[in-house]
PDB file of N, CA and C in Angstrom:
ATOM      1  N   MET A   1     106.912  47.162  60.251  1.00  0.00           N
ATOM      2  CA  MET A   1     105.672  47.153  59.495  1.00  0.00           C
ATOM      3  C   MET A   1     104.606  47.980  60.208  1.00  0.00           C
ATOM      4  N   ARG A   2     104.564  47.874  61.515  1.00  0.00           N
ATOM      5  CA  ARG A   2     103.577  48.615  62.289  1.00  0.00           C
ATOM      6  C   ARG A   2     103.798  50.122  62.157  1.00  0.00           C
ATOM      7  N   ASN A   3     105.082  50.523  62.123  1.00  0.00           N
ATOM      8  CA  ASN A   3     105.387  51.943  61.961  1.00  0.00           C
ATOM      9  C   ASN A   3     104.926  52.448  60.598  1.00  0.00           C
ATOM     10  N   LEU A   4     105.060  51.613  59.588  1.00  0.00           N
ATOM     11  CA  LEU A   4     104.624  51.993  58.254  1.00  0.00           C
ATOM     12  C   LEU A   4     103.109  52.192  58.216  1.00  0.00           C
ATOM     13  N   VAL A   5     102.380  51.325  58.883  1.00  0.00           N
ATOM     14  CA  VAL A   5     100.922  51.453  58.938  1.00  0.00           C
ATOM     15  C   VAL A   5     100.532  52.728  59.680  1.00  0.00           C
ATOM     16  N   LYS A   6     101.208  53.007  60.791  1.00  0.00           N
ATOM     17  CA  LYS A   6     100.921  54.235  61.543  1.00  0.00           C
ATOM     18  C   LYS A   6     101.216  55.467  60.700  1.00  0.00           C
ATOM     19  N   PHE A   7     102.353  55.425  59.984  1.00  0.00           N
ATOM     20  CA  PHE A   7     102.716  56.553  59.133  1.00  0.00           C
ATOM     21  C   PHE A   7     101.666  56.758  58.049  1.00  0.00           C
ATOM     22  N   GLY A   8     101.244  55.656  57.410  1.00  0.00           N
ATOM     23  CA  GLY A   8     100.241  55.752  56.357  1.00  0.00           C
ATOM     24  C   GLY A   8      98.916  56.287  56.877  1.00  0.00           C
ATOM     25  N   ALA A   9      98.506  55.825  58.055  1.00  0.00           N
ATOM     26  CA  ALA A   9      97.247  56.297  58.642  1.00  0.00           C
ATOM     27  C   ALA A   9      97.329  57.780  58.981  1.00  0.00           C
ATOM     28  N   ALA A  10      98.452  58.195  59.533  1.00  0.00           N
ATOM     29  CA  ALA A  10      98.626  59.611  59.872  1.00  0.00           C
ATOM     30  C   ALA A  10      98.664  60.463  58.605  1.00  0.00           C
ATOM     31  N   TYR A  11      99.325  59.959  57.581  1.00  0.00           N
ATOM     32  CA  TYR A  11      99.449  60.692  56.325  1.00  0.00           C
ATOM     33  C   TYR A  11      98.083  60.856  55.661  1.00  0.00           C
ATOM     34  N   LEU A  12      97.289  59.781  55.643  1.00  0.00           N
ATOM     35  CA  LEU A  12      95.954  59.864  55.058  1.00  0.00           C
ATOM     36  C   LEU A  12      95.012  60.694  55.925  1.00  0.00           C
ATOM     37  N   GLY A  13      95.200  60.642  57.239  1.00  0.00           N
ATOM     38  CA  GLY A  13      94.392  61.455  58.139  1.00  0.00           C
ATOM     39  C   GLY A  13      94.591  62.935  57.895  1.00  0.00           C
ATOM     40  N   LYS A  14      95.812  63.295  57.529  1.00  0.00           N
ATOM     41  CA  LYS A  14      96.113  64.693  57.225  1.00  0.00           C
ATOM     42  C   LYS A  14      95.289  65.167  56.035  1.00  0.00           C
ATOM     43  N   PHE A  15      95.102  64.302  55.042  1.00  0.00           N
ATOM     44  CA  PHE A  15      94.328  64.683  53.871  1.00  0.00           C
ATOM     45  C   PHE A  15      92.846  64.837  54.197  1.00  0.00           C
ATOM     46  N   LYS A  16      92.344  64.066  55.156  1.00  0.00           N
ATOM     47  CA  LYS A  16      90.941  64.185  55.548  1.00  0.00           C
ATOM     48  C   LYS A  16      90.661  65.542  56.187  1.00  0.00           C
ATOM     49  N   LYS A  17      91.613  66.031  56.980  1.00  0.00           N
ATOM     50  CA  LYS A  17      91.425  67.291  57.689  1.00  0.00           C
ATOM     51  C   LYS A  17      91.557  68.489  56.757  1.00  0.00           C
ATOM     52  N   ASP A  18      92.357  68.360  55.717  1.00  0.00           N
ATOM     53  CA  ASP A  18      92.606  69.466  54.798  1.00  0.00           C
ATOM     54  C   ASP A  18      91.425  69.612  53.851  1.00  0.00           C
ATOM     55  N   GLU A  19      90.745  70.753  53.916  1.00  0.00           N
ATOM     56  CA  GLU A  19      89.582  70.985  53.076  1.00  0.00           C
ATOM     57  C   GLU A  19      89.829  72.074  52.048  1.00  0.00           C
ATOM     58  N   ASP A  20      91.080  72.341  51.737  1.00  0.00           N
ATOM     59  CA  ASP A  20      91.415  73.395  50.788  1.00  0.00           C
ATOM     60  C   ASP A  20      91.360  72.921  49.343  1.00  0.00           C
ATOM     61  N   GLY A  21      91.035  71.708  49.108  1.00  0.00           N
ATOM     62  CA  GLY A  21      91.046  71.161  47.761  1.00  0.00           C
ATOM     63  C   GLY A  21      92.287  70.319  47.549  1.00  0.00           C
ATOM     64  N   LEU A  22      92.418  69.851  46.341  1.00  0.00           N
ATOM     65  CA  LEU A  22      93.537  68.973  46.046  1.00  0.00           C
ATOM     66  C   LEU A  22      94.802  69.783  45.807  1.00  0.00           C
ATOM     67  N   ALA A  23      95.847  69.368  46.442  1.00  0.00           N
ATOM     68  CA  ALA A  23      97.149  69.987  46.255  1.00  0.00           C
ATOM     69  C   ALA A  23      97.962  69.122  45.299  1.00  0.00           C
ATOM     70  N   LEU A  24      99.128  69.592  44.977  1.00  0.00           N
ATOM     71  CA  LEU A  24      99.994  68.865  44.054  1.00  0.00           C
ATOM     72  C   LEU A  24     100.279  67.459  44.557  1.00  0.00           C
ATOM     73  N   THR A  25     100.453  67.300  45.854  1.00  0.00           N
ATOM     74  CA  THR A  25     100.758  65.985  46.420  1.00  0.00           C
ATOM     75  C   THR A  25      99.638  64.993  46.135  1.00  0.00           C
ATOM     76  N   GLU A  26      98.411  65.409  46.326  1.00  0.00           N
ATOM     77  CA  GLU A  26      97.285  64.514  46.071  1.00  0.00           C
ATOM     78  C   GLU A  26      97.194  64.145  44.597  1.00  0.00           C
ATOM     79  N   TYR A  27      97.440  65.119  43.729  1.00  0.00           N
ATOM     80  CA  TYR A  27      97.422  64.825  42.297  1.00  0.00           C
ATOM     81  C   TYR A  27      98.524  63.844  41.926  1.00  0.00           C
ATOM     82  N   LEU A  28      99.698  63.985  42.517  1.00  0.00           N
ATOM     83  CA  LEU A  28     100.798  63.065  42.235  1.00  0.00           C
ATOM     84  C   LEU A  28     100.490  61.660  42.743  1.00  0.00           C
ATOM     85  N   ILE A  29      99.865  61.563  43.906  1.00  0.00           N
ATOM     86  CA  ILE A  29      99.463  60.250  44.427  1.00  0.00           C
ATOM     87  C   ILE A  29      98.436  59.617  43.493  1.00  0.00           C
ATOM     88  N   LEU A  30      97.461  60.401  43.069  1.00  0.00           N
ATOM     89  CA  LEU A  30      96.442  59.895  42.148  1.00  0.00           C
ATOM     90  C   LEU A  30      97.066  59.469  40.822  1.00  0.00           C
ATOM     91  N   LEU A  31      97.998  60.255  40.315  1.00  0.00           N
ATOM     92  CA  LEU A  31      98.686  59.905  39.074  1.00  0.00           C
ATOM     93  C   LEU A  31      99.477  58.610  39.231  1.00  0.00           C
ATOM     94  N   GLY A  32     100.134  58.444  40.369  1.00  0.00           N
ATOM     95  CA  GLY A  32     100.888  57.218  40.626  1.00  0.00           C
ATOM     96  C   GLY A  32      99.988  55.999  40.684  1.00  0.00           C
ATOM     97  N   LEU A  33      98.852  56.122  41.351  1.00  0.00           N
ATOM     98  CA  LEU A  33      97.906  55.005  41.432  1.00  0.00           C
ATOM     99  C   LEU A  33      97.326  54.663  40.064  1.00  0.00           C
ATOM    100  N   LEU A  34      97.000  55.691  39.303  1.00  0.00           N
ATOM    101  CA  LEU A  34      96.462  55.467  37.967  1.00  0.00           C
ATOM    102  C   LEU A  34      97.501  54.807  37.061  1.00  0.00           C
ATOM    103  N   THR A  35      98.736  55.264  37.145  1.00  0.00           N
ATOM    104  CA  THR A  35      99.812  54.666  36.355  1.00  0.00           C
ATOM    105  C   THR A  35     100.016  53.206  36.731  1.00  0.00           C
ATOM    106  N   ALA A  36     100.008  52.918  38.023  1.00  0.00           N
ATOM    107  CA  ALA A  36     100.167  51.534  38.478  1.00  0.00           C
ATOM    108  C   ALA A  36      99.019  50.663  37.976  1.00  0.00           C
ATOM    109  N   ALA A  37      97.808  51.196  37.976  1.00  0.00           N
ATOM    110  CA  ALA A  37      96.655  50.432  37.494  1.00  0.00           C
ATOM    111  C   ALA A  37      96.764  50.143  36.000  1.00  0.00           C
ATOM    112  N   VAL A  38      97.214  51.117  35.230  1.00  0.00           N
ATOM    113  CA  VAL A  38      97.366  50.912  33.788  1.00  0.00           C
ATOM    114  C   VAL A  38      98.450  49.879  33.506  1.00  0.00           C
ATOM    115  N   ILE A  39      99.570  49.978  34.208  1.00  0.00           N
ATOM    116  CA  ILE A  39     100.656  49.010  34.024  1.00  0.00           C
ATOM    117  C   ILE A  39     100.188  47.606  34.394  1.00  0.00           C
ATOM    118  N   ALA A  40      99.466  47.491  35.505  1.00  0.00           N
ATOM    119  CA  ALA A  40      98.958  46.182  35.925  1.00  0.00           C
ATOM    120  C   ALA A  40      97.983  45.620  34.893  1.00  0.00           C
ATOM    121  N   ALA A  41      97.116  46.466  34.347  1.00  0.00           N
ATOM    122  CA  ALA A  41      96.154  46.006  33.344  1.00  0.00           C
ATOM    123  C   ALA A  41      96.862  45.529  32.082  1.00  0.00           C
ATOM    124  N   VAL A  42      97.880  46.251  31.666  1.00  0.00           N
ATOM    125  CA  VAL A  42      98.621  45.843  30.466  1.00  0.00           C
ATOM    126  C   VAL A  42      99.334  44.525  30.707  1.00  0.00           C
ATOM    127  N   ILE A  43      99.922  44.369  31.879  1.00  0.00           N
ATOM    128  CA  ILE A  43     100.624  43.124  32.194  1.00  0.00           C
ATOM    129  C   ILE A  43      99.640  41.955  32.271  1.00  0.00           C
ATOM    130  N   LEU A  44      98.515  42.168  32.936  1.00  0.00           N
ATOM    131  CA  LEU A  44      97.552  41.084  33.128  1.00  0.00           C
ATOM    132  C   LEU A  44      96.775  40.731  31.865  1.00  0.00           C
ATOM    133  N   PHE A  45      96.366  41.747  31.109  1.00  0.00           N
ATOM    134  CA  PHE A  45      95.462  41.514  29.992  1.00  0.00           C
ATOM    135  C   PHE A  45      96.092  41.728  28.625  1.00  0.00           C
ATOM    136  N   GLY A  46      97.317  42.195  28.566  1.00  0.00           N
ATOM    137  CA  GLY A  46      97.947  42.521  27.290  1.00  0.00           C
ATOM    138  C   GLY A  46      98.018  41.354  26.330  1.00  0.00           C
ATOM    139  N   GLY A  47      98.444  40.199  26.812  1.00  0.00           N
ATOM    140  CA  GLY A  47      98.535  39.024  25.946  1.00  0.00           C
ATOM    141  C   GLY A  47      97.191  38.580  25.433  1.00  0.00           C
ATOM    142  N   ASN A  48      96.196  38.602  26.291  1.00  0.00           N
ATOM    143  CA  ASN A  48      94.841  38.196  25.884  1.00  0.00           C
ATOM    144  C   ASN A  48      94.257  39.161  24.861  1.00  0.00           C
ATOM    145  N   ILE A  49      94.504  40.442  25.054  1.00  0.00           N
ATOM    146  CA  ILE A  49      93.984  41.436  24.115  1.00  0.00           C
ATOM    147  C   ILE A  49      94.658  41.275  22.760  1.00  0.00           C
ATOM    148  N   ALA A  50      95.967  41.056  22.760  1.00  0.00           N
ATOM    149  CA  ALA A  50      96.690  40.869  21.498  1.00  0.00           C
ATOM    150  C   ALA A  50      96.196  39.624  20.770  1.00  0.00           C
ATOM    151  N   THR A  51      95.985  38.544  21.502  1.00  0.00           N
ATOM    152  CA  THR A  51      95.484  37.310  20.891  1.00  0.00           C
ATOM    153  C   THR A  51      94.086  37.515  20.320  1.00  0.00           C
ATOM    154  N   SER A  52      93.229  38.187  21.060  1.00  0.00           N
ATOM    155  CA  SER A  52      91.869  38.448  20.583  1.00  0.00           C
ATOM    156  C   SER A  52      91.890  39.315  19.329  1.00  0.00           C
ATOM    157  N   TYR A  53      92.746  40.312  19.309  1.00  0.00           N
ATOM    158  CA  TYR A  53      92.849  41.183  18.143  1.00  0.00           C
ATOM    159  C   TYR A  53      93.348  40.400  16.931  1.00  0.00           C
ATOM    160  N   ASP A  54      94.341  39.557  17.127  1.00  0.00           N
ATOM    161  CA  ASP A  54      94.850  38.737  16.025  1.00  0.00           C
ATOM    162  C   ASP A  54      93.771  37.792  15.499  1.00  0.00           C
ATOM    163  N   ASP A  55      93.027  37.169  16.399  1.00  0.00           N
ATOM    164  CA  ASP A  55      91.935  36.276  15.988  1.00  0.00           C
ATOM    165  C   ASP A  55      90.867  37.036  15.205  1.00  0.00           C
ATOM    166  N   TRP A  56      90.530  38.216  15.686  1.00  0.00           N
ATOM    167  CA  TRP A  56      89.525  39.044  15.028  1.00  0.00           C
ATOM    168  C   TRP A  56      90.013  39.461  13.640  1.00  0.00           C
ATOM    169  N   ALA A  57      91.269  39.869  13.531  1.00  0.00           N
ATOM    170  CA  ALA A  57      91.820  40.278  12.241  1.00  0.00           C
ATOM    171  C   ALA A  57      91.847  39.106  11.262  1.00  0.00           C
ATOM    172  N   THR A  58      92.178  37.924  11.751  1.00  0.00           N
ATOM    173  CA  THR A  58      92.176  36.729  10.902  1.00  0.00           C
ATOM    174  C   THR A  58      90.762  36.421  10.421  1.00  0.00           C
ATOM    175  N   TRP A  59      89.785  36.510  11.303  1.00  0.00           N
ATOM    176  CA  TRP A  59      88.390  36.251  10.944  1.00  0.00           C
ATOM    177  C   TRP A  59      87.906  37.250   9.894  1.00  0.00           C
ATOM    178  N   ILE A  60      88.225  38.532  10.106  1.00  0.00           N
ATOM    179  CA  ILE A  60      87.821  39.563   9.140  1.00  0.00           C
ATOM    180  C   ILE A  60      88.443  39.272   7.777  1.00  0.00           C
ATOM    181  N   GLY A  61      89.734  38.935   7.786  1.00  0.00           N
ATOM    182  CA  GLY A  61      90.412  38.644   6.526  1.00  0.00           C
ATOM    183  C   GLY A  61      89.832  37.443   5.811  1.00  0.00           C
ATOM    184  N   ALA A  62      89.461  36.423   6.559  1.00  0.00           N
ATOM    185  CA  ALA A  62      88.927  35.202   5.954  1.00  0.00           C
ATOM    186  C   ALA A  62      87.497  35.377   5.461  1.00  0.00           C
ATOM    187  N   ASN A  63      86.709  36.195   6.135  1.00  0.00           N
ATOM    188  CA  ASN A  63      85.287  36.310   5.814  1.00  0.00           C
ATOM    189  C   ASN A  63      84.926  37.492   4.927  1.00  0.00           C
ATOM    190  N   THR A  64      85.839  38.378   4.673  1.00  0.00           N
ATOM    191  CA  THR A  64      85.511  39.535   3.839  1.00  0.00           C
ATOM    192  C   THR A  64      86.303  39.560   2.548  1.00  0.00           C
ATOM    193  N   GLY A  65      87.191  38.619   2.384  1.00  0.00           N
ATOM    194  CA  GLY A  65      87.989  38.591   1.169  1.00  0.00           C
ATOM    195  C   GLY A  65      89.004  39.717   1.113  1.00  0.00           C
ATOM    196  N   ALA A  66      89.449  40.169   2.261  1.00  0.00           N
ATOM    197  CA  ALA A  66      90.443  41.236   2.310  1.00  0.00           C
ATOM    198  C   ALA A  66      91.742  40.749   1.686  1.00  0.00           C
ATOM    199  N   PRO A  67      92.472  41.639   1.015  1.00  0.00           N
ATOM    200  CA  PRO A  67      93.729  41.228   0.391  1.00  0.00           C
ATOM    201  C   PRO A  67      94.748  40.783   1.425  1.00  0.00           C
ATOM    202  N   SER A  68      95.573  39.825   1.080  1.00  0.00           N
ATOM    203  CA  SER A  68      96.566  39.282   2.005  1.00  0.00           C
ATOM    204  C   SER A  68      97.774  40.176   2.073  1.00  0.00           C
TER     205      SER A  68
END
């Protein structure tokens, strides 16, 4: 575990020193983090969002006389 932390610190330190802008590696890391965040949000909040949408659709149907 300690080696992994050292590797991660060295790897991130390399990005701090590089001032040439973002390379493909940085974009791929950012894409991976963003993808993980979206997947986590869907897993955590997906059921609640679906339930809220169903409740809202039922309310709209009941209060506006929308066809069944």
